Amino acid sequence: GGLVQAGGSLRLSCAASVLFSFNDM
């Protein structure tokens, strides 16, 4: 996350702390 100007781009990441078999994310 962060601050960006209109028209710009960001990439969010989310990592689980343990290996786990998730269905939907």
mmCIF file of all heavy atoms, coordinates in Angstrom:
data_MODEL
# 
_entry.id   MODEL 
# 
loop_
_atom_site.group_PDB 
_atom_site.id 
_atom_site.type_symbol 
_atom_site.label_atom_id 
_atom_site.label_alt_id 
_atom_site.label_comp_id 
_atom_site.label_asym_id 
_atom_site.label_entity_id 
_atom_site.label_seq_id 
_atom_site.pdbx_PDB_ins_code 
_atom_site.Cartn_x 
_atom_site.Cartn_y 
_atom_site.Cartn_z 
_atom_site.occupancy 
_atom_site.B_iso_or_equiv 
_atom_site.pdbx_formal_charge 
_atom_site.auth_seq_id 
_atom_site.auth_comp_id 
_atom_site.auth_asym_id 
_atom_site.auth_atom_id 
_atom_site.pdbx_PDB_model_num 
ATOM 1   N N   . GLY A 1 1  ? 0.824   -1.206  0.000   1.00 0.00 ? 1  GLY A N   1 
ATOM 2   C CA  . GLY A 1 1  ? 0.000   0.000   0.000   1.00 0.00 ? 1  GLY A CA  1 
ATOM 3   C C   . GLY A 1 1  ? 0.852   1.247   0.000   1.00 0.00 ? 1  GLY A C   1 
ATOM 4   O O   . GLY A 1 1  ? 2.075   1.198   0.105   1.00 0.00 ? 1  GLY A O   1 
ATOM 5   N N   . GLY A 1 2  ? 0.192   2.395   -0.126  1.00 0.00 ? 2  GLY A N   1 
ATOM 6   C CA  . GLY A 1 2  ? 0.919   3.653   -0.100  1.00 0.00 ? 2  GLY A CA  1 
ATOM 7   C C   . GLY A 1 2  ? 0.142   4.776   -0.740  1.00 0.00 ? 2  GLY A C   1 
ATOM 8   O O   . GLY A 1 2  ? -1.074  4.671   -0.950  1.00 0.00 ? 2  GLY A O   1 
ATOM 9   N N   . LEU A 1 3  ? 0.858   5.857   -1.034  1.00 0.00 ? 3  LEU A N   1 
ATOM 10  C CA  . LEU A 1 3  ? 0.275   7.051   -1.645  1.00 0.00 ? 3  LEU A CA  1 
ATOM 11  C C   . LEU A 1 3  ? 0.682   7.099   -3.109  1.00 0.00 ? 3  LEU A C   1 
ATOM 12  O O   . LEU A 1 3  ? 1.864   6.939   -3.439  1.00 0.00 ? 3  LEU A O   1 
ATOM 13  C CB  . LEU A 1 3  ? 0.774   8.296   -0.925  1.00 0.00 ? 3  LEU A CB  1 
ATOM 14  C CG  . LEU A 1 3  ? 0.392   9.654   -1.512  1.00 0.00 ? 3  LEU A CG  1 
ATOM 15  C CD1 . LEU A 1 3  ? -1.116  9.843   -1.466  1.00 0.00 ? 3  LEU A CD1 1 
ATOM 16  C CD2 . LEU A 1 3  ? 1.110   10.775  -0.762  1.00 0.00 ? 3  LEU A CD2 1 
ATOM 17  N N   . VAL A 1 4  ? -0.298  7.324   -3.977  1.00 0.00 ? 4  VAL A N   1 
ATOM 18  C CA  . VAL A 1 4  ? -0.027  7.377   -5.410  1.00 0.00 ? 4  VAL A CA  1 
ATOM 19  C C   . VAL A 1 4  ? -0.930  8.435   -6.042  1.00 0.00 ? 4  VAL A C   1 
ATOM 20  O O   . VAL A 1 4  ? -2.027  8.704   -5.531  1.00 0.00 ? 4  VAL A O   1 
ATOM 21  C CB  . VAL A 1 4  ? -0.256  5.992   -6.054  1.00 0.00 ? 4  VAL A CB  1 
ATOM 22  C CG1 . VAL A 1 4  ? -1.706  5.574   -5.963  1.00 0.00 ? 4  VAL A CG1 1 
ATOM 23  C CG2 . VAL A 1 4  ? 0.239   5.958   -7.492  1.00 0.00 ? 4  VAL A CG2 1 
ATOM 24  N N   . GLN A 1 5  ? -0.475  9.023   -7.124  1.00 0.00 ? 5  GLN A N   1 
ATOM 25  C CA  . GLN A 1 5  ? -1.300  9.983   -7.841  1.00 0.00 ? 5  GLN A CA  1 
ATOM 26  C C   . GLN A 1 5  ? -2.330  9.272   -8.704  1.00 0.00 ? 5  GLN A C   1 
ATOM 27  O O   . GLN A 1 5  ? -2.122  8.123   -9.121  1.00 0.00 ? 5  GLN A O   1 
ATOM 28  C CB  . GLN A 1 5  ? -0.431  10.883  -8.708  1.00 0.00 ? 5  GLN A CB  1 
ATOM 29  C CG  . GLN A 1 5  ? 0.403   11.877  -7.914  1.00 0.00 ? 5  GLN A CG  1 
ATOM 30  C CD  . GLN A 1 5  ? 1.111   12.873  -8.825  1.00 0.00 ? 5  GLN A CD  1 
ATOM 31  O OE1 . GLN A 1 5  ? 1.408   12.574  -9.975  1.00 0.00 ? 5  GLN A OE1 1 
ATOM 32  N NE2 . GLN A 1 5  ? 1.382   14.053  -8.294  1.00 0.00 ? 5  GLN A NE2 1 
ATOM 33  N N   . ALA A 1 6  ? -3.411  9.957   -8.978  1.00 0.00 ? 6  ALA A N   1 
ATOM 34  C CA  . ALA A 1 6  ? -4.442  9.411   -9.854  1.00 0.00 ? 6  ALA A CA  1 
ATOM 35  C C   . ALA A 1 6  ? -3.809  9.012   -11.185 1.00 0.00 ? 6  ALA A C   1 
ATOM 36  O O   . ALA A 1 6  ? -2.966  9.745   -11.737 1.00 0.00 ? 6  ALA A O   1 
ATOM 37  C CB  . ALA A 1 6  ? -5.546  10.427  -10.073 1.00 0.00 ? 6  ALA A CB  1 
ATOM 38  N N   . GLY A 1 7  ? -4.216  7.840   -11.686 1.00 0.00 ? 7  GLY A N   1 
ATOM 39  C CA  . GLY A 1 7  ? -3.652  7.304   -12.915 1.00 0.00 ? 7  GLY A CA  1 
ATOM 40  C C   . GLY A 1 7  ? -2.476  6.379   -12.690 1.00 0.00 ? 7  GLY A C   1 
ATOM 41  O O   . GLY A 1 7  ? -2.035  5.701   -13.623 1.00 0.00 ? 7  GLY A O   1 
ATOM 42  N N   . GLY A 1 8  ? -1.981  6.358   -11.476 1.00 0.00 ? 8  GLY A N   1 
ATOM 43  C CA  . GLY A 1 8  ? -0.832  5.523   -11.153 1.00 0.00 ? 8  GLY A CA  1 
ATOM 44  C C   . GLY A 1 8  ? -1.210  4.094   -10.836 1.00 0.00 ? 8  GLY A C   1 
ATOM 45  O O   . GLY A 1 8  ? -2.379  3.692   -10.954 1.00 0.00 ? 8  GLY A O   1 
ATOM 46  N N   . SER A 1 9  ? -0.203  3.316   -10.424 1.00 0.00 ? 9  SER A N   1 
ATOM 47  C CA  . SER A 1 9  ? -0.393  1.892   -10.153 1.00 0.00 ? 9  SER A CA  1 
ATOM 48  C C   . SER A 1 9  ? 0.225   1.507   -8.818  1.00 0.00 ? 9  SER A C   1 
ATOM 49  O O   . SER A 1 9  ? 1.193   2.132   -8.363  1.00 0.00 ? 9  SER A O   1 
ATOM 50  C CB  . SER A 1 9  ? 0.268   1.053   -11.255 1.00 0.00 ? 9  SER A CB  1 
ATOM 51  O OG  . SER A 1 9  ? -0.311  1.297   -12.513 1.00 0.00 ? 9  SER A OG  1 
ATOM 52  N N   . LEU A 1 10 ? -0.347  0.478   -8.226  1.00 0.00 ? 10 LEU A N   1 
ATOM 53  C CA  . LEU A 1 10 ? 0.204   -0.150  -7.030  1.00 0.00 ? 10 LEU A CA  1 
ATOM 54  C C   . LEU A 1 10 ? -0.041  -1.650  -7.132  1.00 0.00 ? 10 LEU A C   1 
ATOM 55  O O   . LEU A 1 10 ? -1.000  -2.087  -7.776  1.00 0.00 ? 10 LEU A O   1 
ATOM 56  C CB  . LEU A 1 10 ? -0.464  0.376   -5.755  1.00 0.00 ? 10 LEU A CB  1 
ATOM 57  C CG  . LEU A 1 10 ? -0.079  1.763   -5.237  1.00 0.00 ? 10 LEU A CG  1 
ATOM 58  C CD1 . LEU A 1 10 ? -0.975  2.142   -4.058  1.00 0.00 ? 10 LEU A CD1 1 
ATOM 59  C CD2 . LEU A 1 10 ? 1.379   1.811   -4.837  1.00 0.00 ? 10 LEU A CD2 1 
ATOM 60  N N   . ARG A 1 11 ? 0.811   -2.412  -6.460  1.00 0.00 ? 11 ARG A N   1 
ATOM 61  C CA  . ARG A 1 11 ? 0.613   -3.853  -6.386  1.00 0.00 ? 11 ARG A CA  1 
ATOM 62  C C   . ARG A 1 11 ? 0.594   -4.275  -4.921  1.00 0.00 ? 11 ARG A C   1 
ATOM 63  O O   . ARG A 1 11 ? 1.577   -4.062  -4.204  1.00 0.00 ? 11 ARG A O   1 
ATOM 64  C CB  . ARG A 1 11 ? 1.722   -4.594  -7.133  1.00 0.00 ? 11 ARG A CB  1 
ATOM 65  C CG  . ARG A 1 11 ? 1.472   -6.096  -7.257  1.00 0.00 ? 11 ARG A CG  1 
ATOM 66  C CD  . ARG A 1 11 ? 2.670   -6.799  -7.810  1.00 0.00 ? 11 ARG A CD  1 
ATOM 67  N NE  . ARG A 1 11 ? 2.376   -8.170  -8.234  1.00 0.00 ? 11 ARG A NE  1 
ATOM 68  C CZ  . ARG A 1 11 ? 3.201   -9.183  -8.099  1.00 0.00 ? 11 ARG A CZ  1 
ATOM 69  N NH1 . ARG A 1 11 ? 4.387   -8.999  -7.546  1.00 0.00 ? 11 ARG A NH1 1 
ATOM 70  N NH2 . ARG A 1 11 ? 2.865   -10.391 -8.518  1.00 0.00 ? 11 ARG A NH2 1 
ATOM 71  N N   . LEU A 1 12 ? -0.507  -4.854  -4.516  1.00 0.00 ? 12 LEU A N   1 
ATOM 72  C CA  . LEU A 1 12 ? -0.637  -5.354  -3.154  1.00 0.00 ? 12 LEU A CA  1 
ATOM 73  C C   . LEU A 1 12 ? -0.298  -6.847  -3.128  1.00 0.00 ? 12 LEU A C   1 
ATOM 74  O O   . LEU A 1 12 ? -0.618  -7.581  -4.070  1.00 0.00 ? 12 LEU A O   1 
ATOM 75  C CB  . LEU A 1 12 ? -2.054  -5.150  -2.633  1.00 0.00 ? 12 LEU A CB  1 
ATOM 76  C CG  . LEU A 1 12 ? -2.602  -3.727  -2.659  1.00 0.00 ? 12 LEU A CG  1 
ATOM 77  C CD1 . LEU A 1 12 ? -4.003  -3.705  -2.033  1.00 0.00 ? 12 LEU A CD1 1 
ATOM 78  C CD2 . LEU A 1 12 ? -1.688  -2.759  -1.952  1.00 0.00 ? 12 LEU A CD2 1 
ATOM 79  N N   . SER A 1 13 ? 0.330   -7.257  -2.038  1.00 0.00 ? 13 SER A N   1 
ATOM 80  C CA  . SER A 1 13 ? 0.633   -8.665  -1.818  1.00 0.00 ? 13 SER A CA  1 
ATOM 81  C C   . SER A 1 13 ? 0.116   -9.091  -0.453  1.00 0.00 ? 13 SER A C   1 
ATOM 82  O O   . SER A 1 13 ? 0.072   -8.281  0.480   1.00 0.00 ? 13 SER A O   1 
ATOM 83  C CB  . SER A 1 13 ? 2.143   -8.905  -1.876  1.00 0.00 ? 13 SER A CB  1 
ATOM 84  O OG  . SER A 1 13 ? 2.677   -8.563  -3.124  1.00 0.00 ? 13 SER A OG  1 
ATOM 85  N N   . CYS A 1 14 ? -0.257  -10.333 -0.349  1.00 0.00 ? 14 CYS A N   1 
ATOM 86  C CA  . CYS A 1 14 ? -0.723  -10.883 0.925   1.00 0.00 ? 14 CYS A CA  1 
ATOM 87  C C   . CYS A 1 14 ? -0.206  -12.310 1.038   1.00 0.00 ? 14 CYS A C   1 
ATOM 88  O O   . CYS A 1 14 ? -0.549  -13.154 0.204   1.00 0.00 ? 14 CYS A O   1 
ATOM 89  C CB  . CYS A 1 14 ? -2.237  -10.850 0.989   1.00 0.00 ? 14 CYS A CB  1 
ATOM 90  S SG  . CYS A 1 14 ? -2.939  -11.740 2.395   1.00 0.00 ? 14 CYS A SG  1 
ATOM 91  N N   . ALA A 1 15 ? 0.592   -12.551 2.064   1.00 0.00 ? 15 ALA A N   1 
ATOM 92  C CA  . ALA A 1 15 ? 1.191   -13.860 2.250   1.00 0.00 ? 15 ALA A CA  1 
ATOM 93  C C   . ALA A 1 15 ? 0.727   -14.460 3.573   1.00 0.00 ? 15 ALA A C   1 
ATOM 94  O O   . ALA A 1 15 ? 0.685   -13.766 4.602   1.00 0.00 ? 15 ALA A O   1 
ATOM 95  C CB  . ALA A 1 15 ? 2.711   -13.746 2.240   1.00 0.00 ? 15 ALA A CB  1 
ATOM 96  N N   . ALA A 1 16 ? 0.401   -15.732 3.538   1.00 0.00 ? 16 ALA A N   1 
ATOM 97  C CA  . ALA A 1 16 ? 0.035   -16.444 4.762   1.00 0.00 ? 16 ALA A CA  1 
ATOM 98  C C   . ALA A 1 16 ? 1.292   -16.843 5.518   1.00 0.00 ? 16 ALA A C   1 
ATOM 99  O O   . ALA A 1 16 ? 2.307   -17.174 4.913   1.00 0.00 ? 16 ALA A O   1 
ATOM 100 C CB  . ALA A 1 16 ? -0.797  -17.670 4.433   1.00 0.00 ? 16 ALA A CB  1 
ATOM 101 N N   . SER A 1 17 ? 1.194   -16.817 6.839   1.00 0.00 ? 17 SER A N   1 
ATOM 102 C CA  . SER A 1 17 ? 2.370   -17.087 7.671   1.00 0.00 ? 17 SER A CA  1 
ATOM 103 C C   . SER A 1 17 ? 2.753   -18.556 7.683   1.00 0.00 ? 17 SER A C   1 
ATOM 104 O O   . SER A 1 17 ? 3.872   -18.915 8.047   1.00 0.00 ? 17 SER A O   1 
ATOM 105 C CB  . SER A 1 17 ? 2.109   -16.616 9.105   1.00 0.00 ? 17 SER A CB  1 
ATOM 106 O OG  . SER A 1 17 ? 0.963   -17.260 9.635   1.00 0.00 ? 17 SER A OG  1 
ATOM 107 N N   . VAL A 1 18 ? 1.807   -19.430 7.313   1.00 0.00 ? 18 VAL A N   1 
ATOM 108 C CA  . VAL A 1 18 ? 2.079   -20.861 7.257   1.00 0.00 ? 18 VAL A CA  1 
ATOM 109 C C   . VAL A 1 18 ? 1.520   -21.408 5.958   1.00 0.00 ? 18 VAL A C   1 
ATOM 110 O O   . VAL A 1 18 ? 0.617   -20.822 5.363   1.00 0.00 ? 18 VAL A O   1 
ATOM 111 C CB  . VAL A 1 18 ? 1.452   -21.604 8.457   1.00 0.00 ? 18 VAL A CB  1 
ATOM 112 C CG1 . VAL A 1 18 ? 2.089   -21.150 9.756   1.00 0.00 ? 18 VAL A CG1 1 
ATOM 113 C CG2 . VAL A 1 18 ? -0.049  -21.410 8.496   1.00 0.00 ? 18 VAL A CG2 1 
ATOM 114 N N   . LEU A 1 19 ? 2.053   -22.545 5.536   1.00 0.00 ? 19 LEU A N   1 
ATOM 115 C CA  . LEU A 1 19 ? 1.501   -23.199 4.352   1.00 0.00 ? 19 LEU A CA  1 
ATOM 116 C C   . LEU A 1 19 ? 0.152   -23.786 4.713   1.00 0.00 ? 19 LEU A C   1 
ATOM 117 O O   . LEU A 1 19 ? 0.037   -24.552 5.653   1.00 0.00 ? 19 LEU A O   1 
ATOM 118 C CB  . LEU A 1 19 ? 2.459   -24.280 3.857   1.00 0.00 ? 19 LEU A CB  1 
ATOM 119 C CG  . LEU A 1 19 ? 3.731   -23.780 3.190   1.00 0.00 ? 19 LEU A CG  1 
ATOM 120 C CD1 . LEU A 1 19 ? 4.624   -24.953 2.798   1.00 0.00 ? 19 LEU A CD1 1 
ATOM 121 C CD2 . LEU A 1 19 ? 3.419   -22.939 1.967   1.00 0.00 ? 19 LEU A CD2 1 
ATOM 122 N N   . PHE A 1 20 ? -0.864  -23.366 3.965   1.00 0.00 ? 20 PHE A N   1 
ATOM 123 C CA  . PHE A 1 20 ? -2.230  -23.767 4.285   1.00 0.00 ? 20 PHE A CA  1 
ATOM 124 C C   . PHE A 1 20 ? -3.002  -23.849 2.987   1.00 0.00 ? 20 PHE A C   1 
ATOM 125 O O   . PHE A 1 20 ? -2.805  -23.047 2.085   1.00 0.00 ? 20 PHE A O   1 
ATOM 126 C CB  . PHE A 1 20 ? -2.851  -22.722 5.212   1.00 0.00 ? 20 PHE A CB  1 
ATOM 127 C CG  . PHE A 1 20 ? -3.901  -23.273 6.133   1.00 0.00 ? 20 PHE A CG  1 
ATOM 128 C CD1 . PHE A 1 20 ? -3.535  -23.903 7.305   1.00 0.00 ? 20 PHE A CD1 1 
ATOM 129 C CD2 . PHE A 1 20 ? -5.232  -23.151 5.824   1.00 0.00 ? 20 PHE A CD2 1 
ATOM 130 C CE1 . PHE A 1 20 ? -4.482  -24.410 8.161   1.00 0.00 ? 20 PHE A CE1 1 
ATOM 131 C CE2 . PHE A 1 20 ? -6.196  -23.662 6.676   1.00 0.00 ? 20 PHE A CE2 1 
ATOM 132 C CZ  . PHE A 1 20 ? -5.824  -24.288 7.854   1.00 0.00 ? 20 PHE A CZ  1 
ATOM 133 N N   . SER A 1 21 ? -3.902  -24.788 2.896   1.00 0.00 ? 21 SER A N   1 
ATOM 134 C CA  . SER A 1 21 ? -4.664  -24.957 1.661   1.00 0.00 ? 21 SER A CA  1 
ATOM 135 C C   . SER A 1 21 ? -5.943  -24.129 1.723   1.00 0.00 ? 21 SER A C   1 
ATOM 136 O O   . SER A 1 21 ? -6.977  -24.584 2.234   1.00 0.00 ? 21 SER A O   1 
ATOM 137 C CB  . SER A 1 21 ? -4.990  -26.439 1.457   1.00 0.00 ? 21 SER A CB  1 
ATOM 138 O OG  . SER A 1 21 ? -5.694  -26.614 0.246   1.00 0.00 ? 21 SER A OG  1 
ATOM 139 N N   . PHE A 1 22 ? -5.852  -22.918 1.212   1.00 0.00 ? 22 PHE A N   1 
ATOM 140 C CA  . PHE A 1 22 ? -7.026  -22.063 1.181   1.00 0.00 ? 22 PHE A CA  1 
ATOM 141 C C   . PHE A 1 22 ? -7.886  -22.346 -0.040  1.00 0.00 ? 22 PHE A C   1 
ATOM 142 O O   . PHE A 1 22 ? -7.382  -22.712 -1.096  1.00 0.00 ? 22 PHE A O   1 
ATOM 143 C CB  . PHE A 1 22 ? -6.614  -20.591 1.155   1.00 0.00 ? 22 PHE A CB  1 
ATOM 144 C CG  . PHE A 1 22 ? -5.914  -20.137 2.392   1.00 0.00 ? 22 PHE A CG  1 
ATOM 145 C CD1 . PHE A 1 22 ? -4.570  -19.814 2.340   1.00 0.00 ? 22 PHE A CD1 1 
ATOM 146 C CD2 . PHE A 1 22 ? -6.586  -20.028 3.592   1.00 0.00 ? 22 PHE A CD2 1 
ATOM 147 C CE1 . PHE A 1 22 ? -3.903  -19.390 3.472   1.00 0.00 ? 22 PHE A CE1 1 
ATOM 148 C CE2 . PHE A 1 22 ? -5.924  -19.600 4.736   1.00 0.00 ? 22 PHE A CE2 1 
ATOM 149 C CZ  . PHE A 1 22 ? -4.582  -19.286 4.676   1.00 0.00 ? 22 PHE A CZ  1 
ATOM 150 N N   . ASN A 1 23 ? -9.168  -22.137 0.098   1.00 0.00 ? 23 ASN A N   1 
ATOM 151 C CA  . ASN A 1 23 ? -10.064 -22.191 -1.049  1.00 0.00 ? 23 ASN A CA  1 
ATOM 152 C C   . ASN A 1 23 ? -10.007 -20.829 -1.742  1.00 0.00 ? 23 ASN A C   1 
ATOM 153 O O   . ASN A 1 23 ? -9.079  -20.525 -2.447  1.00 0.00 ? 23 ASN A O   1 
ATOM 154 C CB  . ASN A 1 23 ? -11.466 -22.573 -0.611  1.00 0.00 ? 23 ASN A CB  1 
ATOM 155 C CG  . ASN A 1 23 ? -11.508 -23.976 -0.066  1.00 0.00 ? 23 ASN A CG  1 
ATOM 156 O OD1 . ASN A 1 23 ? -10.702 -24.830 -0.431  1.00 0.00 ? 23 ASN A OD1 1 
ATOM 157 N ND2 . ASN A 1 23 ? -12.431 -24.245 0.823   1.00 0.00 ? 23 ASN A ND2 1 
ATOM 158 N N   . ASP A 1 24 ? -10.978 -19.981 -1.495  1.00 0.00 ? 24 ASP A N   1 
ATOM 159 C CA  . ASP A 1 24 ? -10.948 -18.652 -2.090  1.00 0.00 ? 24 ASP A CA  1 
ATOM 160 C C   . ASP A 1 24 ? -9.989  -17.734 -1.337  1.00 0.00 ? 24 ASP A C   1 
ATOM 161 O O   . ASP A 1 24 ? -9.851  -17.824 -0.120  1.00 0.00 ? 24 ASP A O   1 
ATOM 162 C CB  . ASP A 1 24 ? -12.341 -18.019 -2.061  1.00 0.00 ? 24 ASP A CB  1 
ATOM 163 C CG  . ASP A 1 24 ? -13.324 -18.721 -2.983  1.00 0.00 ? 24 ASP A CG  1 
ATOM 164 O OD1 . ASP A 1 24 ? -12.920 -19.725 -3.611  1.00 0.00 ? 24 ASP A OD1 1 
ATOM 165 O OD2 . ASP A 1 24 ? -14.478 -18.276 -3.063  1.00 0.00 ? 24 ASP A OD2 1 
ATOM 166 N N   . MET A 1 25 ? -9.363  -16.834 -2.076  1.00 0.00 ? 25 MET A N   1 
ATOM 167 C CA  . MET A 1 25 ? -8.585  -15.737 -1.517  1.00 0.00 ? 25 MET A CA  1 
ATOM 168 C C   . MET A 1 25 ? -9.052  -14.460 -2.191  1.00 0.00 ? 25 MET A C   1 
ATOM 169 O O   . MET A 1 25 ? -9.480  -14.494 -3.354  1.00 0.00 ? 25 MET A O   1 
ATOM 170 C CB  . MET A 1 25 ? -7.078  -15.933 -1.720  1.00 0.00 ? 25 MET A CB  1 
ATOM 171 C CG  . MET A 1 25 ? -6.542  -17.208 -1.090  1.00 0.00 ? 25 MET A CG  1 
ATOM 172 S SD  . MET A 1 25 ? -4.748  -17.395 -1.256  1.00 0.00 ? 25 MET A SD  1 
ATOM 173 C CE  . MET A 1 25 ? -4.173  -16.283 0.043   1.00 0.00 ? 25 MET A CE  1 
# 
